[in-house]
Amino acid sequence: MLQKGEPEINKSIRINGAIRARELRIIGPDGEQLGIMSLKGGLSKANDMNLDLVEISPGANPPVAKIIDWGKYQYQKMKDQQKNRRQAKSGDLKQMRFGLKIGAGDLEVKLKKIRKFLEGGHKVRIQVVYKGREMAHKEIGYELD
């Protein structure tokens, strides 16, 4: 639990002593409405439960504050952000497959597409696919470069 004198971790969210409103609509840790009460009443209720009073919606009339464990809330928020970043990066790898018998025009089209992917900041994996007896002549695949 944060004490009154400790610095605020996130400047956009006010907690405990940093809350400026005189009256707040208080929501309990389980989501139940505790009603409208003064800041001191909300802080004392949060202290009784060994939790923090966090201002959720400062623009409402009266502002809404919730009694929660601030450390746990910050941890969950950080984990959600990490999960979103991982999901966003999953589309960064593009894949292009070439056969040995690809024509010059088709090769140019695929190379243009690869350049476009690279300019867009994507990673590109190029695969040369061998079929049947082509496996015996892998040196032809190196000539595609």
N, C-alpha and C. Protein backbone atom coordinates (compact mmCIF):
# COMPACT_ATOMS: atom_id res chain seq x y z
N MET A 1 0.84 -1.19 0.00
CA MET A 1 0.00 0.00 0.00
C MET A 1 0.88 1.24 0.00
N LEU A 2 0.55 2.20 -0.83
CA LEU A 2 1.31 3.44 -0.89
C LEU A 2 0.96 4.35 0.28
N GLN A 3 1.95 5.03 0.78
CA GLN A 3 1.74 5.99 1.85
C GLN A 3 1.50 7.37 1.24
N LYS A 4 1.07 8.30 2.04
CA LYS A 4 0.74 9.64 1.56
C LYS A 4 1.94 10.36 0.94
N GLY A 5 3.13 10.19 1.51
CA GLY A 5 4.30 10.92 1.06
C GLY A 5 5.00 10.32 -0.14
N GLU A 6 4.64 9.08 -0.54
CA GLU A 6 5.33 8.43 -1.64
C GLU A 6 4.99 9.07 -2.97
N PRO A 7 5.95 9.08 -3.92
CA PRO A 7 5.67 9.67 -5.23
C PRO A 7 4.68 8.83 -6.02
N GLU A 8 3.95 9.50 -6.87
CA GLU A 8 2.95 8.84 -7.69
C GLU A 8 3.63 8.17 -8.87
N ILE A 9 3.30 6.92 -9.16
CA ILE A 9 3.94 6.17 -10.24
C ILE A 9 3.44 6.66 -11.59
N ASN A 10 2.16 6.74 -11.75
CA ASN A 10 1.58 7.16 -13.03
C ASN A 10 0.94 8.53 -12.83
N LYS A 11 1.44 9.54 -13.54
CA LYS A 11 0.98 10.91 -13.30
C LYS A 11 -0.47 11.15 -13.74
N SER A 12 -0.99 10.35 -14.66
CA SER A 12 -2.35 10.59 -15.13
C SER A 12 -3.41 10.02 -14.18
N ILE A 13 -3.02 9.11 -13.32
CA ILE A 13 -3.96 8.51 -12.37
C ILE A 13 -3.59 8.96 -10.96
N ARG A 14 -4.55 9.57 -10.27
CA ARG A 14 -4.29 10.05 -8.91
C ARG A 14 -4.67 8.97 -7.91
N ILE A 15 -3.82 8.80 -6.90
CA ILE A 15 -4.11 7.81 -5.87
C ILE A 15 -3.96 8.44 -4.49
N ASN A 16 -4.69 7.89 -3.54
CA ASN A 16 -4.65 8.28 -2.13
C ASN A 16 -4.61 9.79 -1.92
N GLY A 17 -3.53 10.33 -1.42
CA GLY A 17 -3.44 11.74 -1.06
C GLY A 17 -3.37 12.68 -2.25
N ALA A 18 -3.12 12.17 -3.44
CA ALA A 18 -3.02 13.02 -4.62
C ALA A 18 -4.39 13.38 -5.20
N ILE A 19 -5.44 12.75 -4.72
CA ILE A 19 -6.80 13.04 -5.20
C ILE A 19 -7.22 14.41 -4.68
N ARG A 20 -7.75 15.26 -5.59
CA ARG A 20 -8.07 16.64 -5.22
C ARG A 20 -9.54 16.87 -4.89
N ALA A 21 -10.41 16.00 -5.35
CA ALA A 21 -11.86 16.21 -5.17
C ALA A 21 -12.25 16.08 -3.69
N ARG A 22 -13.24 16.85 -3.29
CA ARG A 22 -13.72 16.77 -1.91
C ARG A 22 -14.67 15.61 -1.71
N GLU A 23 -15.56 15.41 -2.71
CA GLU A 23 -16.50 14.30 -2.63
C GLU A 23 -16.25 13.34 -3.78
N LEU A 24 -16.38 12.04 -3.50
CA LEU A 24 -16.12 11.00 -4.49
C LEU A 24 -17.22 9.96 -4.46
N ARG A 25 -17.48 9.37 -5.61
CA ARG A 25 -18.33 8.18 -5.66
C ARG A 25 -17.38 7.00 -5.50
N ILE A 26 -17.52 6.25 -4.43
CA ILE A 26 -16.57 5.19 -4.09
C ILE A 26 -17.11 3.84 -4.55
N ILE A 27 -16.22 3.08 -5.19
CA ILE A 27 -16.53 1.70 -5.61
C ILE A 27 -15.61 0.79 -4.81
N GLY A 28 -16.17 -0.26 -4.24
CA GLY A 28 -15.40 -1.19 -3.42
C GLY A 28 -14.52 -2.11 -4.25
N PRO A 29 -13.69 -2.91 -3.60
CA PRO A 29 -12.76 -3.80 -4.31
C PRO A 29 -13.47 -4.87 -5.14
N ASP A 30 -14.69 -5.22 -4.77
CA ASP A 30 -15.44 -6.24 -5.51
C ASP A 30 -16.35 -5.63 -6.57
N GLY A 31 -16.33 -4.32 -6.73
CA GLY A 31 -17.13 -3.65 -7.75
C GLY A 31 -18.46 -3.11 -7.23
N GLU A 32 -18.75 -3.28 -5.96
CA GLU A 32 -20.02 -2.78 -5.42
C GLU A 32 -19.92 -1.29 -5.12
N GLN A 33 -21.03 -0.58 -5.28
CA GLN A 33 -21.09 0.86 -5.03
C GLN A 33 -21.16 1.09 -3.51
N LEU A 34 -20.22 1.87 -3.00
CA LEU A 34 -20.25 2.20 -1.58
C LEU A 34 -20.90 3.55 -1.33
N GLY A 35 -21.21 4.28 -2.42
CA GLY A 35 -21.91 5.55 -2.30
C GLY A 35 -20.98 6.74 -2.43
N ILE A 36 -21.59 7.92 -2.25
CA ILE A 36 -20.84 9.17 -2.34
C ILE A 36 -20.39 9.54 -0.94
N MET A 37 -19.08 9.78 -0.81
CA MET A 37 -18.55 10.17 0.51
C MET A 37 -17.39 11.13 0.32
N SER A 38 -16.97 11.70 1.43
CA SER A 38 -15.86 12.66 1.38
C SER A 38 -14.55 11.93 1.10
N LEU A 39 -13.55 12.69 0.72
CA LEU A 39 -12.22 12.12 0.44
C LEU A 39 -11.67 11.44 1.69
N LYS A 40 -11.84 12.09 2.85
CA LYS A 40 -11.33 11.50 4.10
C LYS A 40 -12.02 10.18 4.41
N GLY A 41 -13.33 10.14 4.18
CA GLY A 41 -14.08 8.90 4.42
C GLY A 41 -13.62 7.78 3.50
N GLY A 42 -13.38 8.11 2.23
CA GLY A 42 -12.91 7.11 1.27
C GLY A 42 -11.51 6.62 1.61
N LEU A 43 -10.63 7.54 2.01
CA LEU A 43 -9.28 7.15 2.39
C LEU A 43 -9.27 6.27 3.64
N SER A 44 -10.12 6.61 4.62
CA SER A 44 -10.16 5.79 5.84
C SER A 44 -10.71 4.40 5.52
N LYS A 45 -11.71 4.33 4.64
CA LYS A 45 -12.26 3.03 4.24
C LYS A 45 -11.20 2.19 3.53
N ALA A 46 -10.42 2.82 2.65
CA ALA A 46 -9.34 2.12 1.94
C ALA A 46 -8.27 1.66 2.92
N ASN A 47 -7.91 2.52 3.87
CA ASN A 47 -6.91 2.14 4.87
C ASN A 47 -7.39 0.98 5.73
N ASP A 48 -8.69 0.96 6.06
CA ASP A 48 -9.24 -0.15 6.85
C ASP A 48 -9.07 -1.48 6.13
N MET A 49 -9.16 -1.44 4.80
CA MET A 49 -9.04 -2.67 3.99
C MET A 49 -7.60 -2.92 3.55
N ASN A 50 -6.65 -2.06 3.97
CA ASN A 50 -5.24 -2.14 3.56
C ASN A 50 -5.10 -2.09 2.04
N LEU A 51 -5.87 -1.23 1.40
CA LEU A 51 -5.82 -1.04 -0.05
C LEU A 51 -5.65 0.45 -0.35
N ASP A 52 -5.60 0.78 -1.64
CA ASP A 52 -5.42 2.16 -2.07
C ASP A 52 -6.71 2.70 -2.69
N LEU A 53 -6.89 4.01 -2.59
CA LEU A 53 -8.00 4.70 -3.23
C LEU A 53 -7.47 5.29 -4.54
N VAL A 54 -8.03 4.83 -5.67
CA VAL A 54 -7.55 5.24 -6.99
C VAL A 54 -8.67 5.97 -7.72
N GLU A 55 -8.37 7.17 -8.22
CA GLU A 55 -9.35 7.95 -8.97
C GLU A 55 -9.47 7.38 -10.38
N ILE A 56 -10.61 6.79 -10.70
CA ILE A 56 -10.83 6.13 -11.98
C ILE A 56 -11.32 7.11 -13.03
N SER A 57 -12.33 7.90 -12.69
CA SER A 57 -12.94 8.83 -13.64
C SER A 57 -12.99 10.24 -13.02
N PRO A 58 -11.92 11.02 -13.22
CA PRO A 58 -11.90 12.35 -12.58
C PRO A 58 -12.87 13.34 -13.21
N GLY A 59 -13.32 13.10 -14.45
CA GLY A 59 -14.21 14.05 -15.13
C GLY A 59 -15.67 13.89 -14.75
N ALA A 60 -16.04 12.81 -14.08
CA ALA A 60 -17.44 12.59 -13.71
C ALA A 60 -17.85 13.55 -12.60
N ASN A 61 -19.16 13.64 -12.39
CA ASN A 61 -19.67 14.51 -11.34
C ASN A 61 -20.50 13.68 -10.36
N PRO A 62 -20.11 13.36 -9.18
CA PRO A 62 -18.79 13.53 -8.59
C PRO A 62 -17.77 12.54 -9.17
N PRO A 63 -16.47 12.81 -9.04
CA PRO A 63 -15.46 11.90 -9.57
C PRO A 63 -15.58 10.51 -8.96
N VAL A 64 -15.21 9.50 -9.76
CA VAL A 64 -15.34 8.11 -9.32
C VAL A 64 -13.97 7.61 -8.87
N ALA A 65 -13.94 6.98 -7.70
CA ALA A 65 -12.70 6.40 -7.18
C ALA A 65 -12.99 4.96 -6.77
N LYS A 66 -11.99 4.10 -6.93
CA LYS A 66 -12.16 2.69 -6.61
C LYS A 66 -11.11 2.28 -5.59
N ILE A 67 -11.52 1.41 -4.68
CA ILE A 67 -10.60 0.89 -3.67
C ILE A 67 -9.99 -0.39 -4.24
N ILE A 68 -8.67 -0.33 -4.56
CA ILE A 68 -7.99 -1.49 -5.13
C ILE A 68 -6.55 -1.55 -4.62
N ASP A 69 -5.89 -2.68 -4.87
CA ASP A 69 -4.46 -2.81 -4.56
C ASP A 69 -3.69 -2.21 -5.73
N TRP A 70 -3.05 -1.06 -5.51
CA TRP A 70 -2.40 -0.31 -6.58
C TRP A 70 -1.28 -1.12 -7.24
N GLY A 71 -0.49 -1.82 -6.46
CA GLY A 71 0.62 -2.61 -7.01
C GLY A 71 0.12 -3.70 -7.94
N LYS A 72 -0.93 -4.36 -7.53
CA LYS A 72 -1.52 -5.43 -8.35
C LYS A 72 -2.12 -4.85 -9.63
N TYR A 73 -2.75 -3.69 -9.52
CA TYR A 73 -3.36 -3.01 -10.68
C TYR A 73 -2.28 -2.63 -11.69
N GLN A 74 -1.17 -2.05 -11.21
CA GLN A 74 -0.07 -1.66 -12.09
C GLN A 74 0.55 -2.88 -12.77
N TYR A 75 0.69 -3.98 -12.02
CA TYR A 75 1.27 -5.21 -12.56
C TYR A 75 0.40 -5.76 -13.69
N GLN A 76 -0.91 -5.79 -13.48
CA GLN A 76 -1.84 -6.29 -14.50
C GLN A 76 -1.79 -5.40 -15.74
N LYS A 77 -1.72 -4.09 -15.54
CA LYS A 77 -1.66 -3.15 -16.65
C LYS A 77 -0.39 -3.36 -17.48
N MET A 78 0.74 -3.58 -16.80
CA MET A 78 2.01 -3.81 -17.48
C MET A 78 1.96 -5.12 -18.27
N LYS A 79 1.38 -6.17 -17.70
CA LYS A 79 1.28 -7.46 -18.38
C LYS A 79 0.40 -7.35 -19.63
N ASP A 80 -0.69 -6.61 -19.54
CA ASP A 80 -1.57 -6.41 -20.70
C ASP A 80 -0.84 -5.69 -21.82
N GLN A 81 -0.04 -4.67 -21.47
CA GLN A 81 0.73 -3.93 -22.47
C GLN A 81 1.75 -4.83 -23.14
N GLN A 82 2.42 -5.70 -22.37
CA GLN A 82 3.40 -6.62 -22.93
C GLN A 82 2.72 -7.61 -23.88
N LYS A 83 1.54 -8.09 -23.50
CA LYS A 83 0.80 -9.03 -24.33
C LYS A 83 0.40 -8.38 -25.65
N ASN A 84 -0.05 -7.12 -25.58
CA ASN A 84 -0.43 -6.39 -26.79
C ASN A 84 0.76 -6.18 -27.72
N ARG A 85 1.94 -5.88 -27.13
CA ARG A 85 3.14 -5.70 -27.95
C ARG A 85 3.54 -6.99 -28.64
N ARG A 86 3.46 -8.11 -27.92
CA ARG A 86 3.79 -9.40 -28.53
C ARG A 86 2.87 -9.72 -29.69
N GLN A 87 1.59 -9.48 -29.52
CA GLN A 87 0.61 -9.76 -30.57
C GLN A 87 0.82 -8.84 -31.77
N ALA A 88 1.21 -7.62 -31.54
CA ALA A 88 1.40 -6.67 -32.63
C ALA A 88 2.62 -7.05 -33.47
N LYS A 89 3.65 -7.63 -32.86
CA LYS A 89 4.86 -7.98 -33.58
C LYS A 89 4.75 -9.29 -34.33
N SER A 90 3.72 -10.07 -34.08
CA SER A 90 3.63 -11.39 -34.71
C SER A 90 3.46 -11.30 -36.22
N GLY A 91 2.98 -10.19 -36.76
CA GLY A 91 2.78 -10.04 -38.20
C GLY A 91 3.97 -9.45 -38.92
N ASP A 92 5.11 -9.26 -38.23
CA ASP A 92 6.25 -8.60 -38.83
C ASP A 92 7.03 -9.49 -39.80
N LEU A 93 6.90 -10.81 -39.73
CA LEU A 93 7.67 -11.70 -40.58
C LEU A 93 6.85 -12.08 -41.81
N LYS A 94 7.36 -11.72 -42.98
CA LYS A 94 6.72 -12.07 -44.24
C LYS A 94 7.54 -13.19 -44.89
N GLN A 95 6.88 -14.02 -45.66
CA GLN A 95 7.55 -15.17 -46.25
C GLN A 95 7.29 -15.19 -47.75
N MET A 96 8.35 -15.46 -48.52
CA MET A 96 8.22 -15.54 -49.97
C MET A 96 8.87 -16.84 -50.42
N ARG A 97 8.15 -17.61 -51.25
CA ARG A 97 8.65 -18.91 -51.72
C ARG A 97 8.89 -18.86 -53.22
N PHE A 98 10.02 -19.42 -53.62
CA PHE A 98 10.39 -19.50 -55.03
C PHE A 98 10.57 -20.96 -55.42
N GLY A 99 10.13 -21.30 -56.60
CA GLY A 99 10.47 -22.59 -57.19
C GLY A 99 11.65 -22.39 -58.14
N LEU A 100 12.29 -23.49 -58.52
CA LEU A 100 13.45 -23.36 -59.41
C LEU A 100 13.06 -22.95 -60.82
N LYS A 101 11.86 -23.28 -61.26
CA LYS A 101 11.44 -23.02 -62.64
C LYS A 101 10.68 -21.69 -62.76
N ILE A 102 10.93 -20.75 -61.86
CA ILE A 102 10.21 -19.48 -61.88
C ILE A 102 10.70 -18.64 -63.07
N GLY A 103 9.77 -18.00 -63.73
CA GLY A 103 10.11 -17.16 -64.88
C GLY A 103 10.67 -15.82 -64.44
N ALA A 104 11.32 -15.13 -65.38
CA ALA A 104 11.96 -13.84 -65.07
C ALA A 104 10.92 -12.81 -64.64
N GLY A 105 9.77 -12.78 -65.30
CA GLY A 105 8.72 -11.81 -64.96
C GLY A 105 8.15 -12.07 -63.58
N ASP A 106 7.90 -13.36 -63.28
CA ASP A 106 7.37 -13.71 -61.96
C ASP A 106 8.38 -13.37 -60.87
N LEU A 107 9.66 -13.60 -61.16
CA LEU A 107 10.71 -13.31 -60.20
C LEU A 107 10.75 -11.80 -59.90
N GLU A 108 10.60 -10.97 -60.94
CA GLU A 108 10.60 -9.52 -60.75
C GLU A 108 9.43 -9.06 -59.88
N VAL A 109 8.25 -9.65 -60.12
CA VAL A 109 7.05 -9.29 -59.33
C VAL A 109 7.28 -9.63 -57.86
N LYS A 110 7.83 -10.82 -57.61
CA LYS A 110 8.07 -11.22 -56.22
C LYS A 110 9.14 -10.35 -55.57
N LEU A 111 10.17 -9.96 -56.33
CA LEU A 111 11.21 -9.09 -55.78
C LEU A 111 10.67 -7.71 -55.44
N LYS A 112 9.75 -7.19 -56.29
CA LYS A 112 9.11 -5.89 -55.98
C LYS A 112 8.33 -5.99 -54.67
N LYS A 113 7.63 -7.11 -54.49
CA LYS A 113 6.84 -7.30 -53.28
C LYS A 113 7.76 -7.38 -52.05
N ILE A 114 8.89 -8.07 -52.20
CA ILE A 114 9.85 -8.18 -51.09
C ILE A 114 10.38 -6.80 -50.73
N ARG A 115 10.72 -5.97 -51.73
CA ARG A 115 11.20 -4.61 -51.46
C ARG A 115 10.16 -3.80 -50.70
N LYS A 116 8.89 -3.96 -51.09
CA LYS A 116 7.80 -3.23 -50.43
C LYS A 116 7.69 -3.65 -48.96
N PHE A 117 7.83 -4.96 -48.71
CA PHE A 117 7.78 -5.45 -47.32
C PHE A 117 8.93 -4.87 -46.50
N LEU A 118 10.13 -4.86 -47.08
CA LEU A 118 11.30 -4.35 -46.36
C LEU A 118 11.17 -2.85 -46.08
N GLU A 119 10.63 -2.09 -47.03
CA GLU A 119 10.40 -0.66 -46.81
C GLU A 119 9.37 -0.43 -45.72
N GLY A 120 8.42 -1.36 -45.60
CA GLY A 120 7.40 -1.24 -44.56
C GLY A 120 7.89 -1.66 -43.18
N GLY A 121 9.16 -2.10 -43.09
CA GLY A 121 9.72 -2.45 -41.78
C GLY A 121 9.51 -3.91 -41.40
N HIS A 122 9.06 -4.73 -42.33
CA HIS A 122 8.85 -6.15 -42.04
C HIS A 122 10.12 -6.94 -42.29
N LYS A 123 10.22 -8.09 -41.64
CA LYS A 123 11.30 -9.04 -41.92
C LYS A 123 10.79 -9.96 -43.01
N VAL A 124 11.68 -10.41 -43.88
CA VAL A 124 11.28 -11.27 -45.00
C VAL A 124 12.11 -12.53 -44.99
N ARG A 125 11.44 -13.68 -45.04
CA ARG A 125 12.10 -14.97 -45.15
C ARG A 125 11.88 -15.46 -46.58
N ILE A 126 12.99 -15.79 -47.26
CA ILE A 126 12.90 -16.28 -48.63
C ILE A 126 13.22 -17.76 -48.63
N GLN A 127 12.33 -18.56 -49.23
CA GLN A 127 12.53 -20.00 -49.32
C GLN A 127 12.59 -20.40 -50.79
N VAL A 128 13.57 -21.24 -51.09
CA VAL A 128 13.64 -21.83 -52.43
C VAL A 128 13.15 -23.26 -52.28
N VAL A 129 12.10 -23.61 -53.03
CA VAL A 129 11.46 -24.91 -52.91
C VAL A 129 11.97 -25.83 -54.02
N TYR A 130 12.47 -26.99 -53.61
CA TYR A 130 12.93 -27.99 -54.56
C TYR A 130 11.90 -29.10 -54.64
N LYS A 131 11.62 -29.58 -55.86
CA LYS A 131 10.66 -30.66 -56.05
C LYS A 131 11.33 -31.80 -56.82
N GLY A 132 11.10 -33.01 -56.35
CA GLY A 132 11.57 -34.20 -57.06
C GLY A 132 13.06 -34.20 -57.31
N ARG A 133 13.45 -34.33 -58.58
CA ARG A 133 14.86 -34.46 -58.96
C ARG A 133 15.64 -33.15 -58.82
N GLU A 134 14.93 -32.06 -58.55
CA GLU A 134 15.62 -30.78 -58.36
C GLU A 134 16.53 -30.82 -57.13
N MET A 135 16.24 -31.74 -56.20
CA MET A 135 17.05 -31.86 -54.98
C MET A 135 18.49 -32.20 -55.31
N ALA A 136 18.72 -32.89 -56.40
CA ALA A 136 20.08 -33.28 -56.79
C ALA A 136 20.87 -32.11 -57.35
N HIS A 137 20.20 -31.03 -57.75
CA HIS A 137 20.87 -29.89 -58.37
C HIS A 137 20.60 -28.60 -57.59
N LYS A 138 21.03 -28.59 -56.34
CA LYS A 138 20.78 -27.42 -55.48
C LYS A 138 21.56 -26.19 -55.95
N GLU A 139 22.63 -26.38 -56.72
CA GLU A 139 23.42 -25.23 -57.19
C GLU A 139 22.61 -24.31 -58.09
N ILE A 140 21.55 -24.83 -58.73
CA ILE A 140 20.68 -24.00 -59.57
C ILE A 140 19.92 -23.00 -58.69
N GLY A 141 19.59 -23.40 -57.48
CA GLY A 141 18.90 -22.52 -56.54
C GLY A 141 19.76 -21.33 -56.13
N TYR A 142 21.09 -21.53 -56.03
CA TYR A 142 21.99 -20.44 -55.67
C TYR A 142 22.09 -19.42 -56.82
N GLU A 143 21.85 -19.87 -58.03
CA GLU A 143 21.91 -18.97 -59.19
C GLU A 143 20.71 -18.03 -59.26
N LEU A 144 19.63 -18.33 -58.53
CA LEU A 144 18.45 -17.46 -58.50
C LEU A 144 18.75 -16.11 -57.88
N ASP A 145 19.77 -16.03 -57.04
CA ASP A 145 20.12 -14.77 -56.37
C ASP A 145 20.38 -13.74 -57.42
